[in-house]
C-alpha atoms as a PDB file:
ATOM      1  CA  MET A   1      21.749 -35.316   3.522  1.00  0.00           C
ATOM      2  CA  LEU A   2      18.041 -34.993   4.446  1.00  0.00           C
ATOM      3  CA  LYS A   3      18.961 -35.244   8.120  1.00  0.00           C
ATOM      4  CA  TYR A   4      21.456 -32.362   7.661  1.00  0.00           C
ATOM      5  CA  ILE A   5      18.843 -30.163   5.942  1.00  0.00           C
ATOM      6  CA  LEU A   6      16.260 -30.867   8.639  1.00  0.00           C
ATOM      7  CA  SER A   7      18.799 -30.089  11.366  1.00  0.00           C
ATOM      8  CA  LEU A   8      19.744 -26.834   9.650  1.00  0.00           C
ATOM      9  CA  PHE A   9      16.064 -25.894   9.280  1.00  0.00           C
ATOM     10  CA  ALA A  10      15.383 -26.634  12.967  1.00  0.00           C
ATOM     11  CA  PHE A  11      18.421 -24.548  13.963  1.00  0.00           C
ATOM     12  CA  LEU A  12      17.245 -21.601  11.845  1.00  0.00           C
ATOM     13  CA  LEU A  13      13.767 -21.783  13.409  1.00  0.00           C
ATOM     14  CA  PHE A  14      15.350 -21.806  16.851  1.00  0.00           C
ATOM     15  CA  ILE A  15      17.513 -18.771  16.056  1.00  0.00           C
ATOM     16  CA  SER A  16      14.566 -16.846  14.581  1.00  0.00           C
ATOM     17  CA  ALA A  17      12.487 -17.581  17.695  1.00  0.00           C
ATOM     18  CA  ILE A  18      15.263 -16.206  19.895  1.00  0.00           C
ATOM     19  CA  TYR A  19      15.506 -12.983  17.902  1.00  0.00           C
ATOM     20  CA  ALA A  20      11.776 -12.537  17.327  1.00  0.00           C
ATOM     21  CA  GLN A  21      10.442  -9.272  18.635  1.00  0.00           C
ATOM     22  CA  THR A  22       8.203  -9.658  21.671  1.00  0.00           C
ATOM     23  CA  ALA A  23       5.619  -7.184  22.879  1.00  0.00           C
ATOM     24  CA  ASP A  24       6.367  -5.127  25.957  1.00  0.00           C
ATOM     25  CA  PRO A  25       3.769  -6.081  28.624  1.00  0.00           C
ATOM     26  CA  ARG A  26       2.571  -2.449  28.759  1.00  0.00           C
ATOM     27  CA  LEU A  27       1.223  -2.832  25.213  1.00  0.00           C
ATOM     28  CA  ARG A  28      -1.295  -5.400  26.448  1.00  0.00           C
ATOM     29  CA  THR A  29      -3.241  -2.689  28.275  1.00  0.00           C
ATOM     30  CA  VAL A  30      -4.125  -1.076  24.945  1.00  0.00           C
ATOM     31  CA  TYR A  31      -3.836  -3.803  22.291  1.00  0.00           C
ATOM     32  CA  SER A  32      -5.354  -7.283  22.209  1.00  0.00           C
ATOM     33  CA  GLU A  33      -3.158 -10.360  22.444  1.00  0.00           C
ATOM     34  CA  ASP A  34      -4.318 -11.409  18.956  1.00  0.00           C
ATOM     35  CA  TYR A  35      -3.271  -8.061  17.483  1.00  0.00           C
ATOM     36  CA  LEU A  36       0.133  -8.183  19.167  1.00  0.00           C
ATOM     37  CA  ASN A  37       0.704 -11.763  17.996  1.00  0.00           C
ATOM     38  CA  ASP A  38      -0.300 -10.780  14.464  1.00  0.00           C
ATOM     39  CA  ILE A  39       2.105  -7.863  14.235  1.00  0.00           C
ATOM     40  CA  ALA A  40       4.882  -9.889  15.867  1.00  0.00           C
ATOM     41  CA  GLN A  41       4.546 -12.462  13.097  1.00  0.00           C
ATOM     42  CA  ASN A  42       3.582 -10.313  10.126  1.00  0.00           C
ATOM     43  CA  HIS A  43       4.881  -6.807  10.903  1.00  0.00           C
ATOM     44  CA  PRO A  44       7.848  -7.112  13.282  1.00  0.00           C
ATOM     45  CA  ASN A  45       9.062  -3.591  12.475  1.00  0.00           C
ATOM     46  CA  GLU A  46       5.744  -2.152  13.658  1.00  0.00           C
ATOM     47  CA  LEU A  47       6.058  -4.030  16.937  1.00  0.00           C
ATOM     48  CA  LYS A  48       9.637  -2.823  17.268  1.00  0.00           C
ATOM     49  CA  TYR A  49       8.389   0.762  16.869  1.00  0.00           C
ATOM     50  CA  LEU A  50       5.562   0.320  19.414  1.00  0.00           C
ATOM     51  CA  ASN A  51       8.054  -1.029  21.951  1.00  0.00           C
ATOM     52  CA  TRP A  52      10.564   1.753  21.247  1.00  0.00           C
ATOM     53  CA  TYR A  53       7.861   4.428  21.487  1.00  0.00           C
ATOM     54  CA  LEU A  54       6.999   3.385  25.064  1.00  0.00           C
ATOM     55  CA  ASP A  55      10.263   4.746  26.453  1.00  0.00           C
ATOM     56  CA  ASN A  56      11.575   7.097  23.780  1.00  0.00           C
ATOM     57  CA  SER A  57       8.691   9.322  22.708  1.00  0.00           C
ATOM     58  CA  PHE A  58       8.746  11.815  25.579  1.00  0.00           C
ATOM     59  CA  THR A  59      10.849  13.507  28.240  1.00  0.00           C
ATOM     60  CA  ILE A  60       9.679  14.330  31.749  1.00  0.00           C
ATOM     61  CA  MET A  61      11.251  17.418  33.280  1.00  0.00           C
ATOM     62  CA  GLU A  62      10.883  19.431  36.452  1.00  0.00           C
ATOM     63  CA  LEU A  63      10.075  22.964  35.308  1.00  0.00           C
ATOM     64  CA  GLY A  64       8.573  24.332  38.501  1.00  0.00           C
ATOM     65  CA  ILE A  65       4.947  25.038  39.304  1.00  0.00           C
ATOM     66  CA  GLU A  66       4.988  28.580  37.936  1.00  0.00           C
ATOM     67  CA  LYS A  67       6.314  27.542  34.508  1.00  0.00           C
ATOM     68  CA  CYS A  68       3.838  24.668  34.300  1.00  0.00           C
ATOM     69  CA  GLU A  69       0.760  26.788  35.099  1.00  0.00           C
ATOM     70  CA  HIS A  70       0.267  27.883  31.491  1.00  0.00           C
ATOM     71  CA  LEU A  71       0.542  24.317  30.116  1.00  0.00           C
ATOM     72  CA  PRO A  72      -2.508  22.128  29.483  1.00  0.00           C
ATOM     73  CA  TYR A  73      -2.936  19.083  31.712  1.00  0.00           C
ATOM     74  CA  LEU A  74      -1.905  15.681  30.473  1.00  0.00           C
ATOM     75  CA  GLN A  75      -5.089  13.597  30.245  1.00  0.00           C
ATOM     76  CA  TYR A  76      -5.695   9.924  30.979  1.00  0.00           C
ATOM     77  CA  PHE A  77      -6.830   7.742  28.065  1.00  0.00           C
ATOM     78  CA  ASP A  78      -9.481   5.075  28.557  1.00  0.00           C
ATOM     79  CA  PRO A  79      -8.690   2.254  26.073  1.00  0.00           C
ATOM     80  CA  THR A  80     -12.195   0.824  26.436  1.00  0.00           C
ATOM     81  CA  THR A  81     -14.070   3.975  25.425  1.00  0.00           C
ATOM     82  CA  LYS A  82     -11.148   5.518  23.475  1.00  0.00           C
ATOM     83  CA  THR A  83     -11.688   8.859  25.227  1.00  0.00           C
ATOM     84  CA  SER A  84      -9.933  11.178  27.661  1.00  0.00           C
ATOM     85  CA  CYS A  85     -10.991  10.643  31.240  1.00  0.00           C
ATOM     86  CA  GLY A  86      -9.504  13.242  33.542  1.00  0.00           C
ATOM     87  CA  ASN A  87      -6.370  15.166  34.385  1.00  0.00           C
ATOM     88  CA  VAL A  88      -3.195  13.367  35.366  1.00  0.00           C
ATOM     89  CA  GLU A  89      -2.161  14.493  38.855  1.00  0.00           C
ATOM     90  CA  SER A  90       1.001  12.375  39.184  1.00  0.00           C
ATOM     91  CA  ILE A  91       2.818   9.564  37.413  1.00  0.00           C
ATOM     92  CA  ASP A  92       4.954   6.587  38.355  1.00  0.00           C
ATOM     93  CA  ILE A  93       7.983   6.635  36.050  1.00  0.00           C
ATOM     94  CA  GLU A  94       8.731   2.945  36.701  1.00  0.00           C
ATOM     95  CA  SER A  95       5.418   1.745  35.229  1.00  0.00           C
ATOM     96  CA  PHE A  96       4.669   4.693  32.934  1.00  0.00           C
ATOM     97  CA  ASN A  97       2.776   3.685  29.786  1.00  0.00           C
ATOM     98  CA  ILE A  98       2.525   6.503  27.231  1.00  0.00           C
ATOM     99  CA  TYR A  99      -0.336   4.688  25.481  1.00  0.00           C
ATOM    100  CA  MET A 100      -2.543   5.355  28.525  1.00  0.00           C
ATOM    101  CA  TYR A 101      -2.540   9.142  28.046  1.00  0.00           C
ATOM    102  CA  THR A 102      -4.111  11.600  25.627  1.00  0.00           C
ATOM    103  CA  PHE A 103      -1.994  14.292  23.977  1.00  0.00           C
ATOM    104  CA  GLN A 104      -1.362  15.926  20.634  1.00  0.00           C
ATOM    105  CA  ARG A 105       2.026  15.717  18.997  1.00  0.00           C
ATOM    106  CA  LYS A 106       2.811  18.543  16.576  1.00  0.00           C
ATOM    107  CA  PHE A 107       4.540  17.952  13.261  1.00  0.00           C
ATOM    108  CA  ASP A 108       7.432  20.387  13.523  1.00  0.00           C
ATOM    109  CA  ARG A 109       7.677  21.515  17.144  1.00  0.00           C
ATOM    110  CA  GLN A 110       7.516  20.135  20.656  1.00  0.00           C
ATOM    111  CA  SER A 111       4.349  20.034  22.702  1.00  0.00           C
ATOM    112  CA  SER A 112       4.262  20.113  26.493  1.00  0.00           C
ATOM    113  CA  TYR A 113       1.734  19.165  29.165  1.00  0.00           C
ATOM    114  CA  ARG A 114       1.783  19.590  32.908  1.00  0.00           C
ATOM    115  CA  ILE A 115       1.466  16.732  35.344  1.00  0.00           C
ATOM    116  CA  GLY A 116      -0.949  17.955  37.988  1.00  0.00           C
ATOM    117  CA  SER A 117       0.485  20.507  40.384  1.00  0.00           C
ATOM    118  CA  THR A 118       3.800  18.691  40.708  1.00  0.00           C
ATOM    119  CA  GLY A 119       5.940  21.193  38.825  1.00  0.00           C
ATOM    120  CA  TYR A 120       6.748  18.458  36.317  1.00  0.00           C
ATOM    121  CA  ALA A 121       5.940  18.544  32.626  1.00  0.00           C
ATOM    122  CA  ILE A 122       6.021  15.948  29.897  1.00  0.00           C
ATOM    123  CA  ILE A 123       7.534  17.108  26.639  1.00  0.00           C
ATOM    124  CA  PHE A 124       6.781  15.417  23.338  1.00  0.00           C
ATOM    125  CA  GLU A 125       9.198  15.889  20.463  1.00  0.00           C
ATOM    126  CA  SER A 126       7.691  16.822  17.119  1.00  0.00           C
ATOM    127  CA  GLU A 127       6.592  14.059  14.765  1.00  0.00           C
ATOM    128  CA  LYS A 128       9.497  15.018  12.535  1.00  0.00           C
ATOM    129  CA  LYS A 129      12.068  14.708  15.342  1.00  0.00           C
ATOM    130  CA  LEU A 130      10.465  11.490  16.572  1.00  0.00           C
ATOM    131  CA  ALA A 131      10.885   9.933  13.110  1.00  0.00           C
ATOM    132  CA  GLU A 132      14.527  11.079  13.010  1.00  0.00           C
ATOM    133  CA  ASN A 133      15.184   9.588  16.456  1.00  0.00           C
ATOM    134  CA  TYR A 134      13.598   6.278  15.510  1.00  0.00           C
ATOM    135  CA  ASN A 135      15.597   6.094  12.289  1.00  0.00           C
ATOM    136  CA  LEU A 136      18.774   6.717  14.300  1.00  0.00           C
ATOM    137  CA  TYR A 137      17.765   3.931  16.681  1.00  0.00           C
ATOM    138  CA  GLN A 138      16.877   1.495  13.925  1.00  0.00           C
ATOM    139  CA  TYR A 139      19.507   2.249  11.289  1.00  0.00           C
ATOM    140  CA  GLY A 140      22.149   4.243  13.116  1.00  0.00           C
ATOM    141  CA  LYS A 141      21.944   7.043  10.519  1.00  0.00           C
END
């Protein structure tokens, strides 16, 4: 009987390790490995949100240079000094890490920033809409 219980326990540990949330590598540019390990173990829903936010918290659209002229520039974020450090002139969508930029998200309406003189803009949904989208993702409601 003890052997059965130990086998069941080992199986459950194995299954939980498979389904454990892991940190997207892009998070390591902003958060320490200790912090990411801590939230993976103690706050897996927070880690799930951080991972989701990387790819689902913005939209990049081509609006044209004229429409982008009135928008503020997206700014780089320096994780060491925790400050803005210059205008973003272009981005690489494949390796884009939203945590490496400075912007303000409004509570009940979108905010937009231009990406250099490319004619592209990044649009951030409101905090309210972001919460709704995450709840849909997480709970399907």
